[in-house]
PDB file of all heavy atoms in Angstrom:
ATOM      1  N   LYS A   1      -0.029   6.115   0.682  1.00  0.00           N
ATOM      2  CA  LYS A   1      -0.965   6.098   1.923  1.00  0.00           C
ATOM      3  C   LYS A   1      -0.767   7.316   2.698  1.00  0.00           C
ATOM      4  O   LYS A   1      -1.658   7.676   3.505  1.00  0.00           O
ATOM      5  CB  LYS A   1      -0.758   4.861   2.660  1.00  0.00           C
ATOM      6  CG  LYS A   1      -1.159   3.598   1.916  1.00  0.00           C
ATOM      7  CD  LYS A   1      -2.611   3.710   1.465  1.00  0.00           C
ATOM      8  CE  LYS A   1      -3.127   2.492   0.774  1.00  0.00           C
ATOM      9  NZ  LYS A   1      -4.509   2.499   0.378  1.00  0.00           N
ATOM     10  N   LEU A   2       0.333   7.956   2.525  1.00  0.00           N
ATOM     11  CA  LEU A   2       0.638   9.249   3.394  1.00  0.00           C
ATOM     12  C   LEU A   2       0.360  10.494   2.603  1.00  0.00           C
ATOM     13  O   LEU A   2       0.220  11.497   3.216  1.00  0.00           O
ATOM     14  CB  LEU A   2       2.054   9.213   3.952  1.00  0.00           C
ATOM     15  CG  LEU A   2       2.427   8.122   4.901  1.00  0.00           C
ATOM     16  CD1 LEU A   2       3.884   8.091   5.182  1.00  0.00           C
ATOM     17  CD2 LEU A   2       1.549   8.259   6.227  1.00  0.00           C
ATOM     18  N   TRP A   3       0.078  10.355   1.282  1.00  0.00           N
ATOM     19  CA  TRP A   3      -0.148  11.492   0.433  1.00  0.00           C
ATOM     20  C   TRP A   3      -1.510  12.050   0.842  1.00  0.00           C
ATOM     21  O   TRP A   3      -2.518  11.328   0.824  1.00  0.00           O
ATOM     22  CB  TRP A   3      -0.132  11.242  -1.015  1.00  0.00           C
ATOM     23  CG  TRP A   3      -0.182  12.400  -1.928  1.00  0.00           C
ATOM     24  CD1 TRP A   3      -1.258  12.725  -2.640  1.00  0.00           C
ATOM     25  CD2 TRP A   3       0.914  13.249  -2.288  1.00  0.00           C
ATOM     26  NE1 TRP A   3      -0.922  13.862  -3.365  1.00  0.00           N
ATOM     27  CE2 TRP A   3       0.406  14.175  -3.162  1.00  0.00           C
ATOM     28  CE3 TRP A   3       2.246  13.322  -1.821  1.00  0.00           C
ATOM     29  CZ2 TRP A   3       1.131  15.237  -3.672  1.00  0.00           C
ATOM     30  CZ3 TRP A   3       3.001  14.370  -2.297  1.00  0.00           C
ATOM     31  CH2 TRP A   3       2.443  15.255  -3.224  1.00  0.00           C
ATOM     32  N   PRO A   4      -1.697  13.358   1.244  1.00  0.00           N
ATOM     33  CA  PRO A   4      -2.936  13.871   1.769  1.00  0.00           C
ATOM     34  C   PRO A   4      -4.189  13.637   0.879  1.00  0.00           C
ATOM     35  O   PRO A   4      -5.291  13.486   1.474  1.00  0.00           O
ATOM     36  CB  PRO A   4      -2.758  15.339   2.001  1.00  0.00           C
ATOM     37  CG  PRO A   4      -1.185  15.444   1.909  1.00  0.00           C
ATOM     38  CD  PRO A   4      -0.654  14.374   1.108  1.00  0.00           C
ATOM     39  N   HIS A   5      -4.059  13.649  -0.393  1.00  0.00           N
ATOM     40  CA  HIS A   5      -5.159  13.572  -1.359  1.00  0.00           C
ATOM     41  C   HIS A   5      -5.310  12.148  -1.942  1.00  0.00           C
ATOM     42  O   HIS A   5      -6.149  11.953  -2.840  1.00  0.00           O
ATOM     43  CB  HIS A   5      -5.174  14.653  -2.309  1.00  0.00           C
ATOM     44  CG  HIS A   5      -5.004  16.000  -1.711  1.00  0.00           C
ATOM     45  ND1 HIS A   5      -5.983  16.584  -1.079  1.00  0.00           N
ATOM     46  CD2 HIS A   5      -3.955  16.829  -1.717  1.00  0.00           C
ATOM     47  CE1 HIS A   5      -5.634  17.756  -0.585  1.00  0.00           C
ATOM     48  NE2 HIS A   5      -4.350  17.929  -1.027  1.00  0.00           N
ATOM     49  N   GLY A   6      -4.482  11.178  -1.609  1.00  0.00           N
ATOM     50  CA  GLY A   6      -4.563   9.857  -2.196  1.00  0.00           C
ATOM     51  C   GLY A   6      -3.950  10.044  -3.647  1.00  0.00           C
ATOM     52  O   GLY A   6      -3.266  11.008  -3.926  1.00  0.00           O
ATOM     53  N   LEU A   7      -4.234   9.023  -4.446  1.00  0.00           N
ATOM     54  CA  LEU A   7      -3.716   9.175  -5.887  1.00  0.00           C
ATOM     55  C   LEU A   7      -4.686   8.404  -6.780  1.00  0.00           C
ATOM     56  O   LEU A   7      -5.176   7.315  -6.510  1.00  0.00           O
ATOM     57  CB  LEU A   7      -2.306   8.441  -5.867  1.00  0.00           C
ATOM     58  CG  LEU A   7      -1.562   8.380  -7.157  1.00  0.00           C
ATOM     59  CD1 LEU A   7      -1.082   9.667  -7.688  1.00  0.00           C
ATOM     60  CD2 LEU A   7      -0.347   7.484  -7.006  1.00  0.00           C
ATOM     61  N   ALA A   8      -4.814   8.917  -8.011  1.00  0.00           N
ATOM     62  CA  ALA A   8      -5.591   8.178  -9.070  1.00  0.00           C
ATOM     63  C   ALA A   8      -4.712   7.971 -10.294  1.00  0.00           C
ATOM     64  O   ALA A   8      -4.084   8.980 -10.741  1.00  0.00           O
ATOM     65  CB  ALA A   8      -6.818   9.021  -9.357  1.00  0.00           C
ATOM     66  N   LEU A   9      -4.646   6.780 -10.682  1.00  0.00           N
ATOM     67  CA  LEU A   9      -3.887   6.400 -11.932  1.00  0.00           C
ATOM     68  C   LEU A   9      -4.875   5.839 -12.923  1.00  0.00           C
ATOM     69  O   LEU A   9      -4.997   4.570 -12.811  1.00  0.00           O
ATOM     70  CB  LEU A   9      -2.676   5.509 -11.634  1.00  0.00           C
ATOM     71  CG  LEU A   9      -1.607   6.051 -10.691  1.00  0.00           C
ATOM     72  CD1 LEU A   9      -0.621   4.988 -10.293  1.00  0.00           C
ATOM     73  CD2 LEU A   9      -0.911   7.256 -11.316  1.00  0.00           C
ATOM     74  N   GLY A  10      -5.468   6.470 -13.774  1.00  0.00           N
ATOM     75  CA  GLY A  10      -6.538   5.920 -14.677  1.00  0.00           C
ATOM     76  C   GLY A  10      -7.611   5.394 -13.786  1.00  0.00           C
ATOM     77  O   GLY A  10      -8.164   6.139 -12.997  1.00  0.00           O
ATOM     78  N   PRO A  11      -7.904   4.111 -14.011  1.00  0.00           N
ATOM     79  CA  PRO A  11      -9.060   3.498 -13.272  1.00  0.00           C
ATOM     80  C   PRO A  11      -8.741   3.203 -11.811  1.00  0.00           C
ATOM     81  O   PRO A  11      -9.539   2.842 -11.041  1.00  0.00           O
ATOM     82  CB  PRO A  11      -9.418   2.331 -14.103  1.00  0.00           C
ATOM     83  CG  PRO A  11      -8.155   1.873 -14.656  1.00  0.00           C
ATOM     84  CD  PRO A  11      -7.366   3.234 -14.980  1.00  0.00           C
ATOM     85  N   LEU A  12      -7.460   3.235 -11.466  1.00  0.00           N
ATOM     86  CA  LEU A  12      -6.997   2.887 -10.207  1.00  0.00           C
ATOM     87  C   LEU A  12      -7.070   4.062  -9.177  1.00  0.00           C
ATOM     88  O   LEU A  12      -6.542   5.146  -9.500  1.00  0.00           O
ATOM     89  CB  LEU A  12      -5.643   2.282 -10.179  1.00  0.00           C
ATOM     90  CG  LEU A  12      -5.379   1.119 -11.041  1.00  0.00           C
ATOM     91  CD1 LEU A  12      -3.923   0.733 -11.059  1.00  0.00           C
ATOM     92  CD2 LEU A  12      -6.197  -0.078 -10.586  1.00  0.00           C
ATOM     93  N   HIS A  13      -7.717   3.832  -8.046  1.00  0.00           N
ATOM     94  CA  HIS A  13      -7.799   5.000  -7.136  1.00  0.00           C
ATOM     95  C   HIS A  13      -7.187   4.569  -5.800  1.00  0.00           C
ATOM     96  O   HIS A  13      -7.702   3.458  -5.213  1.00  0.00           O
ATOM     97  CB  HIS A  13      -9.360   5.436  -6.898  1.00  0.00           C
ATOM     98  CG  HIS A  13      -9.907   5.942  -8.178  1.00  0.00           C
ATOM     99  ND1 HIS A  13      -9.692   7.273  -8.631  1.00  0.00           N
ATOM    100  CD2 HIS A  13     -10.593   5.353  -9.241  1.00  0.00           C
ATOM    101  CE1 HIS A  13     -10.223   7.469  -9.768  1.00  0.00           C
ATOM    102  NE2 HIS A  13     -10.808   6.288 -10.227  1.00  0.00           N
ATOM    103  N   PHE A  14      -6.235   5.203  -5.342  1.00  0.00           N
ATOM    104  CA  PHE A  14      -5.654   4.842  -3.985  1.00  0.00           C
ATOM    105  C   PHE A  14      -5.967   5.939  -3.068  1.00  0.00           C
ATOM    106  O   PHE A  14      -5.808   7.170  -3.303  1.00  0.00           O
ATOM    107  CB  PHE A  14      -4.143   4.761  -4.177  1.00  0.00           C
ATOM    108  CG  PHE A  14      -3.657   3.860  -5.264  1.00  0.00           C
ATOM    109  CD1 PHE A  14      -3.415   4.274  -6.547  1.00  0.00           C
ATOM    110  CD2 PHE A  14      -3.484   2.533  -4.955  1.00  0.00           C
ATOM    111  CE1 PHE A  14      -2.984   3.355  -7.455  1.00  0.00           C
ATOM    112  CE2 PHE A  14      -3.024   1.578  -5.828  1.00  0.00           C
ATOM    113  CZ  PHE A  14      -2.840   2.028  -7.096  1.00  0.00           C
ATOM    114  N   VAL A  15      -6.530   5.476  -1.846  1.00  0.00           N
ATOM    115  CA  VAL A  15      -6.988   6.359  -0.812  1.00  0.00           C
ATOM    116  C   VAL A  15      -5.904   6.567   0.158  1.00  0.00           C
ATOM    117  O   VAL A  15      -5.299   5.564   0.633  1.00  0.00           O
ATOM    118  CB  VAL A  15      -8.246   5.836  -0.171  1.00  0.00           C
ATOM    119  CG1 VAL A  15      -8.771   6.665   0.986  1.00  0.00           C
ATOM    120  CG2 VAL A  15      -9.402   5.617  -1.224  1.00  0.00           C
ATOM    121  N   ALA A  16      -5.676   7.879   0.626  1.00  0.00           N
ATOM    122  CA  ALA A  16      -4.741   8.099   1.680  1.00  0.00           C
ATOM    123  C   ALA A  16      -5.279   7.605   2.882  1.00  0.00           C
ATOM    124  O   ALA A  16      -6.455   7.937   3.336  1.00  0.00           O
ATOM    125  CB  ALA A  16      -4.456   9.581   1.734  1.00  0.00           C
ATOM    126  N   ASP A  17      -4.553   6.722   3.670  1.00  0.00           N
ATOM    127  CA  ASP A  17      -5.004   6.176   4.912  1.00  0.00           C
ATOM    128  C   ASP A  17      -3.836   5.690   5.754  1.00  0.00           C
ATOM    129  O   ASP A  17      -3.300   4.609   5.316  1.00  0.00           O
ATOM    130  CB  ASP A  17      -6.028   5.116   4.697  1.00  0.00           C
ATOM    131  CG  ASP A  17      -6.652   4.552   5.997  1.00  0.00           C
ATOM    132  OD1 ASP A  17      -6.113   4.915   7.078  1.00  0.00           O
ATOM    133  OD2 ASP A  17      -7.527   3.651   5.908  1.00  0.00           O
ATOM    134  N   ARG A  18      -3.465   6.387   6.681  1.00  0.00           N
ATOM    135  CA  ARG A  18      -2.272   6.044   7.490  1.00  0.00           C
ATOM    136  C   ARG A  18      -2.398   4.679   8.059  1.00  0.00           C
ATOM    137  O   ARG A  18      -1.352   3.957   8.328  1.00  0.00           O
ATOM    138  CB  ARG A  18      -1.923   7.132   8.568  1.00  0.00           C
ATOM    139  CG  ARG A  18      -1.551   8.417   7.940  1.00  0.00           C
ATOM    140  CD  ARG A  18      -1.321   9.418   9.117  1.00  0.00           C
ATOM    141  NE  ARG A  18      -0.995  10.713   8.555  1.00  0.00           N
ATOM    142  CZ  ARG A  18       0.165  11.157   8.343  1.00  0.00           C
ATOM    143  NH1 ARG A  18       1.250  10.474   8.539  1.00  0.00           N
ATOM    144  NH2 ARG A  18       0.363  12.367   7.809  1.00  0.00           N
ATOM    145  N   THR A  19      -3.617   4.259   8.436  1.00  0.00           N
ATOM    146  CA  THR A  19      -3.888   2.957   9.109  1.00  0.00           C
ATOM    147  C   THR A  19      -3.408   1.844   8.184  1.00  0.00           C
ATOM    148  O   THR A  19      -3.206   0.726   8.648  1.00  0.00           O
ATOM    149  CB  THR A  19      -5.253   2.750   9.597  1.00  0.00           C
ATOM    150  OG1 THR A  19      -6.150   2.708   8.513  1.00  0.00           O
ATOM    151  CG2 THR A  19      -5.704   3.887  10.514  1.00  0.00           C
ATOM    152  N   ASP A  20      -3.443   2.124   6.941  1.00  0.00           N
ATOM    153  CA  ASP A  20      -2.976   1.027   5.892  1.00  0.00           C
ATOM    154  C   ASP A  20      -1.536   0.665   6.054  1.00  0.00           C
ATOM    155  O   ASP A  20      -1.092  -0.438   5.617  1.00  0.00           O
ATOM    156  CB  ASP A  20      -3.368   1.428   4.490  1.00  0.00           C
ATOM    157  CG  ASP A  20      -4.787   1.487   4.225  1.00  0.00           C
ATOM    158  OD1 ASP A  20      -5.586   0.874   4.974  1.00  0.00           O
ATOM    159  OD2 ASP A  20      -5.185   2.067   3.178  1.00  0.00           O
ATOM    160  N   LEU A  21      -0.714   1.575   6.686  1.00  0.00           N
ATOM    161  CA  LEU A  21       0.668   1.188   6.839  1.00  0.00           C
ATOM    162  C   LEU A  21       0.890   0.005   7.728  1.00  0.00           C
ATOM    163  O   LEU A  21       1.872  -0.771   7.714  1.00  0.00           O
ATOM    164  CB  LEU A  21       1.398   2.291   7.430  1.00  0.00           C
ATOM    165  CG  LEU A  21       1.434   3.643   6.554  1.00  0.00           C
ATOM    166  CD1 LEU A  21       2.113   4.739   7.298  1.00  0.00           C
ATOM    167  CD2 LEU A  21       2.008   3.331   5.188  1.00  0.00           C
ATOM    168  N   ALA A  22      -0.249  -0.372   8.498  1.00  0.00           N
ATOM    169  CA  ALA A  22      -0.176  -1.640   9.276  1.00  0.00           C
ATOM    170  C   ALA A  22      -0.129  -2.833   8.450  1.00  0.00           C
ATOM    171  O   ALA A  22       0.186  -3.929   8.949  1.00  0.00           O
ATOM    172  CB  ALA A  22      -1.448  -1.659  10.161  1.00  0.00           C
ATOM    173  N   CYS A  23      -0.372  -2.699   7.116  1.00  0.00           N
ATOM    174  CA  CYS A  23      -0.320  -3.875   6.262  1.00  0.00           C
ATOM    175  C   CYS A  23       1.097  -4.087   5.676  1.00  0.00           C
ATOM    176  O   CYS A  23       1.317  -5.144   5.061  1.00  0.00           O
ATOM    177  CB  CYS A  23      -1.281  -3.614   5.069  1.00  0.00           C
ATOM    178  SG  CYS A  23      -3.015  -3.505   5.521  1.00  0.00           S
ATOM    179  N   LEU A  24       2.069  -3.202   5.994  1.00  0.00           N
ATOM    180  CA  LEU A  24       3.410  -3.381   5.430  1.00  0.00           C
ATOM    181  C   LEU A  24       4.058  -4.727   5.807  1.00  0.00           C
ATOM    182  O   LEU A  24       4.881  -5.244   4.998  1.00  0.00           O
ATOM    183  CB  LEU A  24       4.306  -2.179   5.825  1.00  0.00           C
ATOM    184  CG  LEU A  24       4.016  -0.930   5.075  1.00  0.00           C
ATOM    185  CD1 LEU A  24       4.717   0.174   5.715  1.00  0.00           C
ATOM    186  CD2 LEU A  24       4.403  -1.127   3.605  1.00  0.00           C
ATOM    187  N   PRO A  25       3.792  -5.293   6.941  1.00  0.00           N
ATOM    188  CA  PRO A  25       4.460  -6.574   7.194  1.00  0.00           C
ATOM    189  C   PRO A  25       4.027  -7.722   6.163  1.00  0.00           C
ATOM    190  O   PRO A  25       4.751  -8.685   6.101  1.00  0.00           O
ATOM    191  CB  PRO A  25       3.820  -6.986   8.599  1.00  0.00           C
ATOM    192  CG  PRO A  25       3.657  -5.677   9.276  1.00  0.00           C
ATOM    193  CD  PRO A  25       3.119  -4.754   8.142  1.00  0.00           C
ATOM    194  N   ALA A  26       3.050  -7.468   5.344  1.00  0.00           N
ATOM    195  CA  ALA A  26       2.759  -8.464   4.318  1.00  0.00           C
ATOM    196  C   ALA A  26       3.869  -8.543   3.280  1.00  0.00           C
ATOM    197  O   ALA A  26       4.015  -9.596   2.645  1.00  0.00           O
ATOM    198  CB  ALA A  26       1.496  -8.038   3.549  1.00  0.00           C
ATOM    199  N   LEU A  27       4.764  -7.579   3.348  1.00  0.00           N
ATOM    200  CA  LEU A  27       5.982  -7.630   2.375  1.00  0.00           C
ATOM    201  C   LEU A  27       6.842  -8.850   2.854  1.00  0.00           C
ATOM    202  O   LEU A  27       7.625  -9.403   1.953  1.00  0.00           O
ATOM    203  CB  LEU A  27       6.679  -6.316   2.475  1.00  0.00           C
ATOM    204  CG  LEU A  27       6.042  -5.110   1.860  1.00  0.00           C
ATOM    205  CD1 LEU A  27       6.812  -3.888   2.139  1.00  0.00           C
ATOM    206  CD2 LEU A  27       5.956  -5.400   0.252  1.00  0.00           C
ATOM    207  N   ALA A  28       6.737  -9.266   4.078  1.00  0.00           N
ATOM    208  CA  ALA A  28       7.495 -10.440   4.562  1.00  0.00           C
ATOM    209  C   ALA A  28       7.058 -11.712   3.747  1.00  0.00           C
ATOM    210  O   ALA A  28       7.903 -12.612   3.491  1.00  0.00           O
ATOM    211  CB  ALA A  28       7.354 -10.647   6.043  1.00  0.00           C
ATOM    212  N   ILE A  29       5.733 -11.783   3.368  1.00  0.00           N
ATOM    213  CA  ILE A  29       5.298 -12.867   2.547  1.00  0.00           C
ATOM    214  C   ILE A  29       5.918 -12.879   1.156  1.00  0.00           C
ATOM    215  O   ILE A  29       6.349 -13.889   0.640  1.00  0.00           O
ATOM    216  CB  ILE A  29       3.772 -12.878   2.490  1.00  0.00           C
ATOM    217  CG1 ILE A  29       3.153 -13.114   3.915  1.00  0.00           C
ATOM    218  CG2 ILE A  29       3.236 -14.051   1.672  1.00  0.00           C
ATOM    219  CD1 ILE A  29       1.677 -12.873   3.985  1.00  0.00           C
ATOM    220  N   ALA A  30       6.017 -11.626   0.650  1.00  0.00           N
ATOM    221  CA  ALA A  30       6.753 -11.493  -0.701  1.00  0.00           C
ATOM    222  C   ALA A  30       8.167 -11.924  -0.618  1.00  0.00           C
ATOM    223  O   ALA A  30       8.621 -12.635  -1.521  1.00  0.00           O
ATOM    224  CB  ALA A  30       6.619 -10.053  -1.163  1.00  0.00           C
ATOM    225  N   TRP A  31       8.860 -11.623   0.544  1.00  0.00           N
ATOM    226  CA  TRP A  31      10.198 -12.104   0.747  1.00  0.00           C
ATOM    227  C   TRP A  31      10.333 -13.531   0.823  1.00  0.00           C
ATOM    228  O   TRP A  31      11.045 -14.190   0.170  1.00  0.00           O
ATOM    229  CB  TRP A  31      10.873 -11.502   1.931  1.00  0.00           C
ATOM    230  CG  TRP A  31      12.217 -12.040   2.211  1.00  0.00           C
ATOM    231  CD1 TRP A  31      12.558 -12.951   3.049  1.00  0.00           C
ATOM    232  CD2 TRP A  31      13.366 -11.586   1.485  1.00  0.00           C
ATOM    233  NE1 TRP A  31      13.942 -13.216   2.898  1.00  0.00           N
ATOM    234  CE2 TRP A  31      14.454 -12.254   2.028  1.00  0.00           C
ATOM    235  CE3 TRP A  31      13.624 -10.561   0.537  1.00  0.00           C
ATOM    236  CZ2 TRP A  31      15.782 -12.101   1.551  1.00  0.00           C
ATOM    237  CZ3 TRP A  31      14.930 -10.446   0.223  1.00  0.00           C
ATOM    238  CH2 TRP A  31      15.915 -11.104   0.630  1.00  0.00           C
ATOM    239  N   TRP A  32       9.379 -14.244   1.510  1.00  0.00           N
ATOM    240  CA  TRP A  32       9.297 -15.645   1.651  1.00  0.00           C
ATOM    241  C   TRP A  32       9.069 -16.316   0.238  1.00  0.00           C
ATOM    242  O   TRP A  32       9.734 -17.244  -0.140  1.00  0.00           O
ATOM    243  CB  TRP A  32       8.226 -16.032   2.599  1.00  0.00           C
ATOM    244  CG  TRP A  32       7.960 -17.589   2.667  1.00  0.00           C
ATOM    245  CD1 TRP A  32       8.784 -18.393   3.398  1.00  0.00           C
ATOM    246  CD2 TRP A  32       7.077 -18.322   2.076  1.00  0.00           C
ATOM    247  NE1 TRP A  32       8.286 -19.694   3.248  1.00  0.00           N
ATOM    248  CE2 TRP A  32       7.176 -19.634   2.335  1.00  0.00           C
ATOM    249  CE3 TRP A  32       5.962 -17.988   1.154  1.00  0.00           C
ATOM    250  CZ2 TRP A  32       6.435 -20.623   1.927  1.00  0.00           C
ATOM    251  CZ3 TRP A  32       5.147 -19.004   0.711  1.00  0.00           C
ATOM    252  CH2 TRP A  32       5.413 -20.402   1.092  1.00  0.00           C
ATOM    253  N   ILE A  33       8.211 -15.763  -0.604  1.00  0.00           N
ATOM    254  CA  ILE A  33       7.930 -16.201  -1.947  1.00  0.00           C
ATOM    255  C   ILE A  33       9.167 -16.108  -2.814  1.00  0.00           C
ATOM    256  O   ILE A  33       9.653 -17.112  -3.399  1.00  0.00           O
ATOM    257  CB  ILE A  33       6.743 -15.445  -2.569  1.00  0.00           C
ATOM    258  CG1 ILE A  33       5.464 -15.776  -1.852  1.00  0.00           C
ATOM    259  CG2 ILE A  33       6.718 -15.795  -4.116  1.00  0.00           C
ATOM    260  CD1 ILE A  33       4.331 -14.906  -2.347  1.00  0.00           C
ATOM    261  N   GLY A  34       9.858 -14.971  -2.685  1.00  0.00           N
ATOM    262  CA  GLY A  34      11.159 -14.809  -3.541  1.00  0.00           C
ATOM    263  C   GLY A  34      12.244 -15.698  -2.959  1.00  0.00           C
ATOM    264  O   GLY A  34      12.944 -16.151  -3.869  1.00  0.00           O
ATOM    265  N   ALA A  35      12.245 -15.924  -1.723  1.00  0.00           N
ATOM    266  CA  ALA A  35      13.331 -16.767  -1.084  1.00  0.00           C
ATOM    267  C   ALA A  35      13.070 -18.245  -1.555  1.00  0.00           C
ATOM    268  O   ALA A  35      14.048 -18.985  -1.897  1.00  0.00           O
ATOM    269  CB  ALA A  35      13.335 -16.694   0.400  1.00  0.00           C
TER     270      ALA A  35
END
């Protein structure tokens, strides 16, 4: 998300967008699932 040009891996295209970092708290749900 911080890489200036985004990233493309085959059919997957990731767009650089610093505002997406606001989604990082969703990792807490992954922790809850794992716990």
